[in-house]
C-alpha atoms as a PDB file:
ATOM      1  CA  MET A   1     -12.124  -6.186 -86.618  1.00  0.00           C
ATOM      2  CA  SER A   2     -11.198  -7.685 -83.286  1.00  0.00           C
ATOM      3  CA  SER A   3     -12.786 -11.286 -82.919  1.00  0.00           C
ATOM      4  CA  PRO A   4     -15.358 -11.184 -80.804  1.00  0.00           C
ATOM      5  CA  SER A   5     -15.066 -12.258 -77.084  1.00  0.00           C
ATOM      6  CA  ILE A   6     -15.962 -15.128 -75.146  1.00  0.00           C
ATOM      7  CA  SER A   7     -16.816 -15.998 -71.211  1.00  0.00           C
ATOM      8  CA  LEU A   8     -17.152 -19.989 -69.694  1.00  0.00           C
ATOM      9  CA  CYS A   9     -19.348 -19.807 -67.262  1.00  0.00           C
ATOM     10  CA  MET A  10     -19.628 -22.804 -64.769  1.00  0.00           C
ATOM     11  CA  ILE A  11     -20.987 -24.233 -61.868  1.00  0.00           C
ATOM     12  CA  VAL A  12     -19.091 -26.744 -59.505  1.00  0.00           C
ATOM     13  CA  LYS A  13     -18.758 -28.788 -56.141  1.00  0.00           C
ATOM     14  CA  ASN A  14     -16.297 -30.830 -55.408  1.00  0.00           C
ATOM     15  CA  GLU A  15     -14.899 -31.435 -59.214  1.00  0.00           C
ATOM     16  CA  ALA A  16     -11.545 -32.428 -58.867  1.00  0.00           C
ATOM     17  CA  ASP A  17     -11.468 -35.862 -60.485  1.00  0.00           C
ATOM     18  CA  PHE A  18     -12.833 -33.715 -63.650  1.00  0.00           C
ATOM     19  CA  ILE A  19     -11.997 -29.432 -63.771  1.00  0.00           C
ATOM     20  CA  GLU A  20      -8.373 -30.152 -64.965  1.00  0.00           C
ATOM     21  CA  ARG A  21      -9.063 -31.866 -67.484  1.00  0.00           C
ATOM     22  CA  CYS A  22     -12.366 -29.236 -69.004  1.00  0.00           C
ATOM     23  CA  LEU A  23     -10.037 -25.849 -68.172  1.00  0.00           C
ATOM     24  CA  LYS A  24      -7.065 -27.114 -70.384  1.00  0.00           C
ATOM     25  CA  SER A  25      -9.929 -27.824 -73.612  1.00  0.00           C
ATOM     26  CA  VAL A  26     -11.041 -24.382 -73.510  1.00  0.00           C
ATOM     27  CA  CYS A  27      -8.570 -21.827 -71.649  1.00  0.00           C
ATOM     28  CA  HIS A  28      -7.158 -20.807 -75.186  1.00  0.00           C
ATOM     29  CA  VAL A  29     -10.131 -19.948 -76.678  1.00  0.00           C
ATOM     30  CA  VAL A  30     -12.120 -17.760 -73.844  1.00  0.00           C
ATOM     31  CA  ASN A  31     -10.942 -14.353 -72.693  1.00  0.00           C
ATOM     32  CA  GLU A  32     -13.074 -14.948 -68.996  1.00  0.00           C
ATOM     33  CA  ILE A  33     -13.184 -18.265 -66.778  1.00  0.00           C
ATOM     34  CA  ILE A  34     -16.479 -17.466 -64.363  1.00  0.00           C
ATOM     35  CA  VAL A  35     -16.622 -20.254 -61.749  1.00  0.00           C
ATOM     36  CA  VAL A  36     -19.450 -20.849 -59.735  1.00  0.00           C
ATOM     37  CA  ASP A  37     -18.855 -23.054 -56.586  1.00  0.00           C
ATOM     38  CA  THR A  38     -21.316 -24.270 -54.485  1.00  0.00           C
ATOM     39  CA  GLY A  39     -19.647 -25.409 -51.248  1.00  0.00           C
ATOM     40  CA  SER A  40     -16.349 -27.300 -52.535  1.00  0.00           C
ATOM     41  CA  THR A  41     -14.399 -29.228 -49.933  1.00  0.00           C
ATOM     42  CA  ASP A  42     -11.436 -30.725 -52.338  1.00  0.00           C
ATOM     43  CA  GLU A  43      -8.752 -29.582 -54.370  1.00  0.00           C
ATOM     44  CA  THR A  44     -11.265 -27.960 -57.285  1.00  0.00           C
ATOM     45  CA  ILE A  45     -10.718 -24.291 -56.222  1.00  0.00           C
ATOM     46  CA  ASP A  46      -6.874 -24.734 -56.002  1.00  0.00           C
ATOM     47  CA  ILE A  47      -7.356 -25.939 -59.807  1.00  0.00           C
ATOM     48  CA  CYS A  48      -9.539 -23.194 -61.339  1.00  0.00           C
ATOM     49  CA  LYS A  49      -6.900 -20.652 -59.709  1.00  0.00           C
ATOM     50  CA  LYS A  50      -4.305 -22.301 -61.996  1.00  0.00           C
ATOM     51  CA  TYR A  51      -6.619 -21.072 -64.833  1.00  0.00           C
ATOM     52  CA  GLU A  52      -7.397 -17.443 -63.717  1.00  0.00           C
ATOM     53  CA  ALA A  53     -10.252 -18.390 -63.096  1.00  0.00           C
ATOM     54  CA  THR A  54     -13.002 -15.990 -61.089  1.00  0.00           C
ATOM     55  CA  ILE A  55     -14.252 -17.906 -58.226  1.00  0.00           C
ATOM     56  CA  LEU A  56     -17.436 -16.981 -57.108  1.00  0.00           C
ATOM     57  CA  PRO A  57     -18.629 -18.624 -54.206  1.00  0.00           C
ATOM     58  CA  PHE A  58     -22.718 -19.481 -54.491  1.00  0.00           C
ATOM     59  CA  GLU A  59     -24.971 -20.790 -51.341  1.00  0.00           C
ATOM     60  CA  TRP A  60     -26.751 -23.818 -52.904  1.00  0.00           C
ATOM     61  CA  LYS A  61     -30.563 -23.837 -52.998  1.00  0.00           C
ATOM     62  CA  GLU A  62     -31.219 -27.085 -55.327  1.00  0.00           C
ATOM     63  CA  HIS A  63     -31.978 -25.294 -58.159  1.00  0.00           C
ATOM     64  CA  PHE A  64     -29.423 -25.182 -61.357  1.00  0.00           C
ATOM     65  CA  ALA A  65     -30.661 -22.410 -63.198  1.00  0.00           C
ATOM     66  CA  GLU A  66     -30.181 -20.057 -60.186  1.00  0.00           C
ATOM     67  CA  ALA A  67     -26.134 -20.507 -59.913  1.00  0.00           C
ATOM     68  CA  ARG A  68     -26.285 -20.957 -63.547  1.00  0.00           C
ATOM     69  CA  ASN A  69     -27.943 -17.131 -63.830  1.00  0.00           C
ATOM     70  CA  PHE A  70     -25.455 -15.520 -60.895  1.00  0.00           C
ATOM     71  CA  GLY A  71     -22.424 -16.438 -63.430  1.00  0.00           C
ATOM     72  CA  VAL A  72     -23.455 -15.432 -66.489  1.00  0.00           C
ATOM     73  CA  ASN A  73     -24.843 -12.091 -64.711  1.00  0.00           C
ATOM     74  CA  GLN A  74     -21.481 -11.386 -63.750  1.00  0.00           C
ATOM     75  CA  ALA A  75     -20.035 -12.509 -67.204  1.00  0.00           C
ATOM     76  CA  LYS A  76     -18.218  -9.350 -69.229  1.00  0.00           C
ATOM     77  CA  SER A  77     -17.447 -11.107 -72.736  1.00  0.00           C
ATOM     78  CA  ASP A  78     -19.752 -10.571 -76.065  1.00  0.00           C
ATOM     79  CA  TRP A  79     -20.268 -14.747 -75.541  1.00  0.00           C
ATOM     80  CA  ILE A  80     -21.095 -16.904 -73.024  1.00  0.00           C
ATOM     81  CA  LEU A  81     -19.858 -20.922 -73.217  1.00  0.00           C
ATOM     82  CA  TRP A  82     -21.407 -22.766 -70.406  1.00  0.00           C
ATOM     83  CA  LEU A  83     -19.936 -26.397 -69.663  1.00  0.00           C
ATOM     84  CA  ASP A  84     -19.714 -28.801 -66.542  1.00  0.00           C
ATOM     85  CA  ALA A  85     -16.676 -29.967 -65.109  1.00  0.00           C
ATOM     86  CA  ASP A  86     -16.957 -33.485 -66.014  1.00  0.00           C
ATOM     87  CA  GLU A  87     -16.957 -32.272 -69.898  1.00  0.00           C
ATOM     88  CA  GLU A  88     -14.436 -30.987 -72.851  1.00  0.00           C
ATOM     89  CA  LEU A  89     -13.974 -28.627 -75.689  1.00  0.00           C
ATOM     90  CA  GLU A  90     -12.947 -30.716 -78.620  1.00  0.00           C
ATOM     91  CA  ASP A  91      -9.077 -29.238 -79.434  1.00  0.00           C
ATOM     92  CA  GLY A  92      -8.644 -28.102 -83.004  1.00  0.00           C
ATOM     93  CA  TYR A  93     -11.169 -25.483 -83.746  1.00  0.00           C
ATOM     94  CA  GLU A  94     -10.338 -22.259 -82.794  1.00  0.00           C
ATOM     95  CA  GLU A  95     -10.396 -21.092 -85.889  1.00  0.00           C
ATOM     96  CA  LEU A  96     -13.838 -21.896 -86.734  1.00  0.00           C
ATOM     97  CA  LEU A  97     -14.909 -20.689 -82.896  1.00  0.00           C
ATOM     98  CA  ARG A  98     -13.689 -17.256 -83.746  1.00  0.00           C
ATOM     99  CA  SER A  99     -14.806 -16.949 -87.492  1.00  0.00           C
ATOM    100  CA  THR A 100     -18.021 -18.192 -86.957  1.00  0.00           C
ATOM    101  CA  LEU A 101     -18.673 -16.005 -83.321  1.00  0.00           C
ATOM    102  CA  ALA A 102     -17.494 -13.249 -85.620  1.00  0.00           C
ATOM    103  CA  SER A 103     -19.287 -13.365 -88.715  1.00  0.00           C
ATOM    104  CA  THR A 104     -23.194 -15.355 -87.690  1.00  0.00           C
ATOM    105  CA  LYS A 105     -26.280 -13.183 -86.721  1.00  0.00           C
ATOM    106  CA  ALA A 106     -27.335 -16.002 -84.484  1.00  0.00           C
ATOM    107  CA  GLN A 107     -28.035 -15.315 -81.444  1.00  0.00           C
ATOM    108  CA  MET A 108     -27.433 -18.332 -80.060  1.00  0.00           C
ATOM    109  CA  LEU A 109     -25.532 -21.739 -81.472  1.00  0.00           C
ATOM    110  CA  LEU A 110     -26.117 -25.302 -80.745  1.00  0.00           C
ATOM    111  CA  MET A 111     -23.186 -27.653 -80.093  1.00  0.00           C
ATOM    112  CA  PRO A 112     -23.189 -31.791 -80.598  1.00  0.00           C
ATOM    113  CA  VAL A 113     -22.862 -32.649 -77.362  1.00  0.00           C
ATOM    114  CA  ILE A 114     -21.336 -36.523 -77.008  1.00  0.00           C
ATOM    115  CA  ASN A 115     -22.762 -38.295 -74.262  1.00  0.00           C
ATOM    116  CA  TYR A 116     -20.506 -41.161 -73.181  1.00  0.00           C
ATOM    117  CA  SER A 117     -22.321 -44.040 -71.236  1.00  0.00           C
ATOM    118  CA  GLY A 118     -21.684 -47.595 -70.817  1.00  0.00           C
ATOM    119  CA  GLU A 119     -20.178 -48.875 -66.840  1.00  0.00           C
ATOM    120  CA  SER A 120     -16.633 -47.392 -66.486  1.00  0.00           C
ATOM    121  CA  PHE A 121     -13.471 -45.624 -67.994  1.00  0.00           C
ATOM    122  CA  PRO A 122     -11.649 -45.766 -70.569  1.00  0.00           C
ATOM    123  CA  VAL A 123     -14.646 -44.193 -72.473  1.00  0.00           C
ATOM    124  CA  GLN A 124     -16.269 -46.478 -75.131  1.00  0.00           C
ATOM    125  CA  GLU A 125     -16.600 -44.323 -77.807  1.00  0.00           C
ATOM    126  CA  ASN A 126     -19.201 -46.662 -79.477  1.00  0.00           C
ATOM    127  CA  GLU A 127     -20.943 -46.265 -76.478  1.00  0.00           C
ATOM    128  CA  ALA A 128     -22.693 -42.741 -76.734  1.00  0.00           C
ATOM    129  CA  PHE A 129     -25.331 -40.573 -77.751  1.00  0.00           C
ATOM    130  CA  ILE A 130     -25.186 -37.038 -79.938  1.00  0.00           C
ATOM    131  CA  TYR A 131     -27.943 -34.287 -78.982  1.00  0.00           C
ATOM    132  CA  ALA A 132     -27.239 -30.723 -80.049  1.00  0.00           C
ATOM    133  CA  GLN A 133     -27.971 -28.353 -77.058  1.00  0.00           C
ATOM    134  CA  PRO A 134     -27.716 -24.350 -77.046  1.00  0.00           C
ATOM    135  CA  ARG A 135     -23.917 -24.056 -75.361  1.00  0.00           C
ATOM    136  CA  LEU A 136     -23.205 -20.371 -76.889  1.00  0.00           C
ATOM    137  CA  PHE A 137     -25.285 -17.667 -76.832  1.00  0.00           C
ATOM    138  CA  ARG A 138     -24.690 -13.780 -76.795  1.00  0.00           C
ATOM    139  CA  ASN A 139     -24.130 -11.636 -73.683  1.00  0.00           C
ATOM    140  CA  HIS A 140     -25.898  -9.057 -72.379  1.00  0.00           C
ATOM    141  CA  ILE A 141     -29.123  -9.603 -74.900  1.00  0.00           C
ATOM    142  CA  GLY A 142     -31.608 -11.021 -71.428  1.00  0.00           C
ATOM    143  CA  ILE A 143     -31.012 -14.415 -72.203  1.00  0.00           C
ATOM    144  CA  GLN A 144     -31.601 -16.771 -68.954  1.00  0.00           C
ATOM    145  CA  PHE A 145     -31.524 -20.142 -68.125  1.00  0.00           C
ATOM    146  CA  TYR A 146     -34.517 -21.957 -66.684  1.00  0.00           C
ATOM    147  CA  ASN A 147     -35.523 -25.137 -64.595  1.00  0.00           C
ATOM    148  CA  ARG A 148     -34.323 -26.203 -61.151  1.00  0.00           C
ATOM    149  CA  ILE A 149     -32.511 -29.233 -62.863  1.00  0.00           C
ATOM    150  CA  HIS A 150     -31.863 -29.850 -66.262  1.00  0.00           C
ATOM    151  CA  GLU A 151     -31.311 -26.010 -66.715  1.00  0.00           C
ATOM    152  CA  SER A 152     -31.518 -25.001 -70.246  1.00  0.00           C
ATOM    153  CA  PRO A 153     -30.607 -20.956 -71.704  1.00  0.00           C
ATOM    154  CA  MET A 154     -33.441 -19.592 -73.257  1.00  0.00           C
ATOM    155  CA  LEU A 155     -34.046 -16.415 -75.914  1.00  0.00           C
ATOM    156  CA  PRO A 156     -35.682 -13.240 -74.095  1.00  0.00           C
ATOM    157  CA  ASP A 157     -39.568 -12.933 -75.750  1.00  0.00           C
ATOM    158  CA  ASN A 158     -38.664  -9.886 -77.943  1.00  0.00           C
ATOM    159  CA  ILE A 159     -36.055 -11.950 -79.825  1.00  0.00           C
ATOM    160  CA  THR A 160     -38.400 -13.909 -82.498  1.00  0.00           C
ATOM    161  CA  SER A 161     -36.436 -14.271 -85.907  1.00  0.00           C
ATOM    162  CA  SER A 162     -35.829 -17.537 -87.942  1.00  0.00           C
ATOM    163  CA  ASP A 163     -32.211 -16.876 -87.801  1.00  0.00           C
ATOM    164  CA  SER A 164     -31.924 -16.738 -84.365  1.00  0.00           C
ATOM    165  CA  ILE A 165     -30.675 -20.331 -83.647  1.00  0.00           C
ATOM    166  CA  SER A 166     -27.778 -21.570 -85.533  1.00  0.00           C
ATOM    167  CA  GLN A 167     -25.449 -24.769 -85.417  1.00  0.00           C
ATOM    168  CA  ILE A 168     -21.704 -24.906 -84.838  1.00  0.00           C
ATOM    169  CA  GLU A 169     -20.125 -27.722 -85.337  1.00  0.00           C
ATOM    170  CA  ILE A 170     -17.385 -28.301 -82.248  1.00  0.00           C
ATOM    171  CA  PRO A 171     -18.200 -31.237 -80.539  1.00  0.00           C
ATOM    172  CA  ILE A 172     -18.268 -31.362 -76.792  1.00  0.00           C
ATOM    173  CA  HIS A 173     -17.244 -34.609 -74.401  1.00  0.00           C
ATOM    174  CA  HIS A 174     -19.436 -35.486 -71.910  1.00  0.00           C
ATOM    175  CA  TYR A 175     -18.859 -37.902 -69.402  1.00  0.00           C
ATOM    176  CA  GLY A 176     -20.947 -37.410 -66.280  1.00  0.00           C
ATOM    177  CA  TYR A 177     -23.642 -40.923 -67.891  1.00  0.00           C
ATOM    178  CA  ILE A 178     -20.611 -42.975 -66.975  1.00  0.00           C
ATOM    179  CA  GLN A 179     -22.213 -45.268 -64.382  1.00  0.00           C
ATOM    180  CA  GLU A 180     -19.146 -44.893 -62.342  1.00  0.00           C
ATOM    181  CA  VAL A 181     -19.539 -41.086 -62.350  1.00  0.00           C
ATOM    182  CA  THR A 182     -22.967 -41.373 -61.854  1.00  0.00           C
ATOM    183  CA  LYS A 183     -22.746 -44.003 -58.710  1.00  0.00           C
ATOM    184  CA  ARG A 184     -19.598 -42.410 -56.890  1.00  0.00           C
ATOM    185  CA  LYS A 185     -21.459 -38.905 -57.374  1.00  0.00           C
ATOM    186  CA  ASN A 186     -24.957 -40.754 -56.106  1.00  0.00           C
ATOM    187  CA  LYS A 187     -26.579 -38.275 -58.837  1.00  0.00           C
ATOM    188  CA  ALA A 188     -29.488 -39.791 -59.859  1.00  0.00           C
ATOM    189  CA  GLN A 189     -30.939 -39.384 -55.990  1.00  0.00           C
ATOM    190  CA  ARG A 190     -29.944 -36.187 -56.186  1.00  0.00           C
ATOM    191  CA  ASN A 191     -31.566 -35.471 -59.934  1.00  0.00           C
ATOM    192  CA  LEU A 192     -34.891 -38.057 -58.541  1.00  0.00           C
ATOM    193  CA  ASN A 193     -35.222 -35.520 -55.091  1.00  0.00           C
ATOM    194  CA  LEU A 194     -35.007 -31.847 -57.512  1.00  0.00           C
ATOM    195  CA  LEU A 195     -36.957 -33.648 -59.845  1.00  0.00           C
ATOM    196  CA  GLN A 196     -39.957 -34.487 -57.529  1.00  0.00           C
ATOM    197  CA  LYS A 197     -39.741 -30.903 -56.483  1.00  0.00           C
ATOM    198  CA  GLU A 198     -40.477 -29.664 -59.593  1.00  0.00           C
ATOM    199  CA  TYR A 199     -43.392 -32.449 -60.056  1.00  0.00           C
ATOM    200  CA  GLN A 200     -45.054 -31.334 -56.999  1.00  0.00           C
ATOM    201  CA  THR A 201     -45.391 -27.751 -57.919  1.00  0.00           C
ATOM    202  CA  SER A 202     -48.207 -26.472 -60.350  1.00  0.00           C
ATOM    203  CA  ASN A 203     -47.802 -26.131 -64.328  1.00  0.00           C
ATOM    204  CA  HIS A 204     -44.274 -27.362 -63.887  1.00  0.00           C
ATOM    205  CA  SER A 205     -43.430 -28.269 -67.850  1.00  0.00           C
ATOM    206  CA  PRO A 206     -44.286 -32.092 -69.338  1.00  0.00           C
ATOM    207  CA  TRP A 207     -40.359 -32.008 -69.336  1.00  0.00           C
ATOM    208  CA  ILE A 208     -40.344 -32.892 -66.011  1.00  0.00           C
ATOM    209  CA  GLU A 209     -41.831 -35.758 -66.631  1.00  0.00           C
ATOM    210  CA  TYR A 210     -39.637 -36.768 -69.497  1.00  0.00           C
ATOM    211  CA  HIS A 211     -36.333 -35.971 -66.922  1.00  0.00           C
ATOM    212  CA  LEU A 212     -38.157 -38.854 -64.546  1.00  0.00           C
ATOM    213  CA  ALA A 213     -38.656 -41.280 -66.900  1.00  0.00           C
ATOM    214  CA  SER A 214     -34.782 -40.653 -68.454  1.00  0.00           C
ATOM    215  CA  GLU A 215     -33.887 -41.188 -64.633  1.00  0.00           C
ATOM    216  CA  HIS A 216     -35.760 -43.902 -63.826  1.00  0.00           C
ATOM    217  CA  TYR A 217     -34.440 -45.740 -66.868  1.00  0.00           C
ATOM    218  CA  ARG A 218     -31.218 -45.415 -66.408  1.00  0.00           C
ATOM    219  CA  LEU A 219     -32.019 -47.352 -63.255  1.00  0.00           C
ATOM    220  CA  GLY A 220     -33.720 -50.018 -64.754  1.00  0.00           C
ATOM    221  CA  ASN A 221     -37.205 -49.120 -63.219  1.00  0.00           C
ATOM    222  CA  TYR A 222     -38.797 -49.663 -66.624  1.00  0.00           C
ATOM    223  CA  PRO A 223     -42.637 -49.441 -65.530  1.00  0.00           C
ATOM    224  CA  ILE A 224     -41.657 -46.793 -63.520  1.00  0.00           C
ATOM    225  CA  ALA A 225     -40.246 -45.024 -66.493  1.00  0.00           C
ATOM    226  CA  PHE A 226     -43.181 -45.889 -68.937  1.00  0.00           C
ATOM    227  CA  ASP A 227     -45.525 -44.048 -66.537  1.00  0.00           C
ATOM    228  CA  TYR A 228     -43.763 -41.000 -66.335  1.00  0.00           C
ATOM    229  CA  LEU A 229     -42.939 -40.964 -70.260  1.00  0.00           C
ATOM    230  CA  ASN A 230     -46.573 -41.577 -70.820  1.00  0.00           C
ATOM    231  CA  GLU A 231     -47.087 -38.794 -68.347  1.00  0.00           C
ATOM    232  CA  SER A 232     -44.851 -36.375 -70.325  1.00  0.00           C
ATOM    233  CA  ILE A 233     -46.723 -37.493 -73.769  1.00  0.00           C
ATOM    234  CA  LEU A 234     -50.075 -36.672 -73.195  1.00  0.00           C
ATOM    235  CA  LYS A 235     -49.187 -33.672 -71.139  1.00  0.00           C
ATOM    236  CA  PHE A 236     -47.488 -31.937 -74.230  1.00  0.00           C
ATOM    237  CA  ILE A 237     -50.779 -32.880 -76.034  1.00  0.00           C
ATOM    238  CA  LYS A 238     -53.097 -31.123 -73.819  1.00  0.00           C
ATOM    239  CA  ASN A 239     -51.045 -28.502 -73.661  1.00  0.00           C
ATOM    240  CA  GLY A 240     -51.502 -28.384 -77.152  1.00  0.00           C
ATOM    241  CA  LYS A 241     -47.842 -29.174 -78.417  1.00  0.00           C
ATOM    242  CA  LEU A 242     -46.450 -31.981 -80.789  1.00  0.00           C
ATOM    243  CA  PRO A 243     -45.013 -34.430 -78.027  1.00  0.00           C
ATOM    244  CA  PRO A 244     -40.711 -33.715 -78.467  1.00  0.00           C
ATOM    245  CA  ALA A 245     -39.589 -37.269 -80.431  1.00  0.00           C
ATOM    246  CA  ILE A 246     -37.012 -37.792 -77.611  1.00  0.00           C
ATOM    247  CA  LEU A 247     -39.913 -39.136 -75.698  1.00  0.00           C
ATOM    248  CA  TYR A 248     -41.335 -41.410 -78.407  1.00  0.00           C
ATOM    249  CA  ARG A 249     -37.722 -42.500 -78.842  1.00  0.00           C
ATOM    250  CA  LEU A 250     -37.305 -43.841 -74.858  1.00  0.00           C
ATOM    251  CA  LYS A 251     -40.807 -45.254 -75.132  1.00  0.00           C
ATOM    252  CA  TYR A 252     -40.128 -47.239 -77.648  1.00  0.00           C
ATOM    253  CA  ASP A 253     -36.511 -48.073 -76.381  1.00  0.00           C
ATOM    254  CA  ILE A 254     -38.076 -49.574 -73.169  1.00  0.00           C
ATOM    255  CA  LEU A 255     -40.803 -51.536 -74.799  1.00  0.00           C
ATOM    256  CA  VAL A 256     -37.290 -53.075 -76.533  1.00  0.00           C
ATOM    257  CA  LYS A 257     -35.600 -53.318 -73.084  1.00  0.00           C
ATOM    258  CA  THR A 258     -38.492 -54.949 -71.986  1.00  0.00           C
ATOM    259  CA  GLY A 259     -39.291 -57.331 -74.689  1.00  0.00           C
ATOM    260  CA  SER A 260     -42.717 -56.111 -75.203  1.00  0.00           C
ATOM    261  CA  PHE A 261     -42.408 -56.225 -79.066  1.00  0.00           C
ATOM    262  CA  ASN A 262     -45.340 -56.756 -80.103  1.00  0.00           C
ATOM    263  CA  GLY A 263     -47.017 -53.829 -78.159  1.00  0.00           C
ATOM    264  CA  ALA A 264     -43.984 -51.570 -80.044  1.00  0.00           C
ATOM    265  CA  ILE A 265     -44.813 -52.520 -83.306  1.00  0.00           C
ATOM    266  CA  SER A 266     -48.537 -50.645 -84.245  1.00  0.00           C
ATOM    267  CA  GLY A 267     -47.529 -47.434 -82.119  1.00  0.00           C
ATOM    268  CA  ILE A 268     -43.931 -47.491 -83.657  1.00  0.00           C
ATOM    269  CA  ASP A 269     -45.345 -46.004 -87.236  1.00  0.00           C
ATOM    270  CA  LYS A 270     -47.374 -43.783 -85.571  1.00  0.00           C
ATOM    271  CA  ALA A 271     -44.152 -41.559 -84.281  1.00  0.00           C
ATOM    272  CA  ILE A 272     -42.301 -42.675 -87.377  1.00  0.00           C
ATOM    273  CA  LEU A 273     -45.476 -41.016 -88.970  1.00  0.00           C
ATOM    274  CA  LEU A 274     -44.567 -38.108 -87.040  1.00  0.00           C
ATOM    275  CA  TYR A 275     -40.879 -37.769 -87.472  1.00  0.00           C
ATOM    276  CA  PRO A 276     -39.495 -39.344 -90.374  1.00  0.00           C
ATOM    277  CA  ASP A 277     -36.108 -38.205 -90.537  1.00  0.00           C
ATOM    278  CA  TYR A 278     -35.529 -39.906 -87.079  1.00  0.00           C
ATOM    279  CA  VAL A 279     -32.667 -42.672 -87.837  1.00  0.00           C
ATOM    280  CA  ASP A 280     -32.863 -43.799 -84.330  1.00  0.00           C
ATOM    281  CA  LEU A 281     -36.617 -44.627 -84.286  1.00  0.00           C
ATOM    282  CA  HIS A 282     -36.497 -46.468 -88.223  1.00  0.00           C
ATOM    283  CA  PHE A 283     -33.513 -48.891 -86.179  1.00  0.00           C
ATOM    284  CA  LEU A 284     -35.952 -49.025 -82.927  1.00  0.00           C
ATOM    285  CA  LYS A 285     -38.298 -50.526 -85.178  1.00  0.00           C
ATOM    286  CA  GLY A 286     -36.119 -52.536 -87.051  1.00  0.00           C
ATOM    287  CA  PHE A 287     -34.689 -54.510 -84.137  1.00  0.00           C
ATOM    288  CA  ILE A 288     -38.114 -55.477 -83.119  1.00  0.00           C
ATOM    289  CA  LEU A 289     -39.046 -56.713 -86.650  1.00  0.00           C
ATOM    290  CA  TYR A 290     -36.083 -58.496 -86.761  1.00  0.00           C
ATOM    291  CA  HIS A 291     -36.989 -59.854 -83.685  1.00  0.00           C
ATOM    292  CA  ASN A 292     -40.563 -60.638 -84.539  1.00  0.00           C
ATOM    293  CA  ARG A 293     -38.646 -62.412 -87.485  1.00  0.00           C
ATOM    294  CA  HIS A 294     -39.901 -60.282 -90.134  1.00  0.00           C
ATOM    295  CA  TYR A 295     -36.401 -59.850 -91.822  1.00  0.00           C
ATOM    296  CA  LYS A 296     -37.470 -58.158 -95.088  1.00  0.00           C
ATOM    297  CA  ASP A 297     -39.118 -55.657 -93.447  1.00  0.00           C
ATOM    298  CA  ALA A 298     -36.830 -55.422 -90.511  1.00  0.00           C
ATOM    299  CA  LEU A 299     -34.063 -55.088 -93.364  1.00  0.00           C
ATOM    300  CA  ALA A 300     -35.994 -51.857 -95.240  1.00  0.00           C
ATOM    301  CA  CYS A 301     -35.928 -50.360 -91.833  1.00  0.00           C
ATOM    302  CA  PHE A 302     -31.981 -51.100 -91.732  1.00  0.00           C
ATOM    303  CA  GLU A 303     -31.575 -49.518 -95.206  1.00  0.00           C
ATOM    304  CA  LYS A 304     -34.163 -46.700 -94.629  1.00  0.00           C
ATOM    305  CA  CYS A 305     -31.225 -46.114 -91.210  1.00  0.00           C
ATOM    306  CA  LEU A 306     -28.807 -46.084 -93.785  1.00  0.00           C
ATOM    307  CA  GLU A 307     -29.634 -43.381 -96.020  1.00  0.00           C
ATOM    308  CA  LEU A 308     -30.614 -41.055 -93.246  1.00  0.00           C
ATOM    309  CA  GLY A 309     -27.484 -41.433 -91.435  1.00  0.00           C
ATOM    310  CA  GLU A 310     -26.857 -40.453 -87.943  1.00  0.00           C
ATOM    311  CA  HIS A 311     -25.864 -36.424 -87.987  1.00  0.00           C
ATOM    312  CA  ASN A 312     -29.506 -34.690 -87.798  1.00  0.00           C
ATOM    313  CA  PRO A 313     -28.950 -32.152 -85.050  1.00  0.00           C
ATOM    314  CA  LYS A 314     -32.842 -32.070 -84.345  1.00  0.00           C
ATOM    315  CA  TYR A 315     -32.671 -35.287 -82.489  1.00  0.00           C
ATOM    316  CA  LEU A 316     -30.803 -37.147 -79.996  1.00  0.00           C
ATOM    317  CA  ILE A 317     -29.416 -40.091 -81.898  1.00  0.00           C
ATOM    318  CA  MET A 318     -27.538 -43.483 -80.348  1.00  0.00           C
ATOM    319  CA  LYS A 319     -23.720 -43.156 -82.443  1.00  0.00           C
ATOM    320  CA  GLY A 320     -23.841 -46.160 -84.859  1.00  0.00           C
ATOM    321  CA  THR A 321     -28.100 -46.033 -85.594  1.00  0.00           C
ATOM    322  CA  GLY A 322     -27.303 -44.990 -89.141  1.00  0.00           C
ATOM    323  CA  SER A 323     -23.943 -46.382 -89.495  1.00  0.00           C
ATOM    324  CA  TYR A 324     -22.164 -49.561 -88.189  1.00  0.00           C
ATOM    325  CA  ARG A 325     -25.219 -50.680 -85.982  1.00  0.00           C
ATOM    326  CA  ALA A 326     -27.541 -50.748 -89.240  1.00  0.00           C
ATOM    327  CA  LEU A 327     -24.431 -52.412 -91.134  1.00  0.00           C
ATOM    328  CA  GLN A 328     -24.754 -55.099 -88.789  1.00  0.00           C
ATOM    329  CA  TYR A 329     -28.205 -55.603 -88.869  1.00  0.00           C
ATOM    330  CA  GLN A 330     -28.535 -55.370 -92.702  1.00  0.00           C
ATOM    331  CA  GLN A 331     -26.017 -58.325 -92.867  1.00  0.00           C
ATOM    332  CA  LEU A 332     -28.055 -60.888 -90.349  1.00  0.00           C
ATOM    333  CA  CYS A 333     -31.523 -59.844 -91.891  1.00  0.00           C
ATOM    334  CA  LEU A 334     -28.997 -60.589 -95.106  1.00  0.00           C
ATOM    335  CA  GLN A 335     -28.235 -64.237 -93.888  1.00  0.00           C
ATOM    336  CA  GLN A 336     -31.580 -64.934 -92.988  1.00  0.00           C
ATOM    337  CA  LEU A 337     -33.309 -63.891 -96.275  1.00  0.00           C
ATOM    338  CA  GLU A 338     -30.687 -66.313 -97.603  1.00  0.00           C
ATOM    339  CA  SER A 339     -30.706 -69.131 -95.239  1.00  0.00           C
END
């Protein structure tokens, strides 16, 4: 049986600094490269042509999902892989990719995306967050992207089986959150403008408030971020849904960043009751207890972090919360208890 074919689908604009690294990482595993260009004026198109990409000009309408869907609808392969220009696929997983696609019954596959932060290049490998995202999905079954920004592919309503979504452990490295990149591209202002447009529409998803909170958080606007975050949590509850764990992670991270340790300690226990296997919540609780000099209780939190580890695909996890960061604070707690 022949291996399933793969189309890489991308949207780009003026990505000459990154696009070659991305295409080089994936050209040997895909059968087709589709690039939706929304108005590049640099060398992006010339670089894409070197990799025999199909270039599709597209008028930018301030809607990422529309641009994604335009490219996906032109793809001919069995599977769609979607990446951004500032990402690259980790090398050495071609056999795993092919064998998984040939055998899986899933319609969509999550992949671990390593989002690097920090101020500038070279990349600091420990300054990163890992989050599993739906990056591979079957073509020709009606999967489309939704949302003006922070768009995501969604299964059609007629696909509801529990095994429709699975995971493949092939890392994607994402460099777009490094401050040097976000400042150069003025990403924060672009994202805030698009999110505000969504925020003004009726019946928008409570994820919009979360993404507004995230943007303000990255800008250091913690009080504004905190207000949007609480608005998002409340809206999820009003819609009859459990607020996702990532919202609580950001909420207590903001309280830590602003030194509001006393206000955080009671609430974080409630969040942990909802998500007892989320290592970052236990780490934040331990951090708060440590700074409040409750070293014995903090030690228990960091030992729980080491027990949980940091490879749970359900959550956004900061590198080290289930390993070296927890070990560091475990030792600090022991030193304080022995002194």
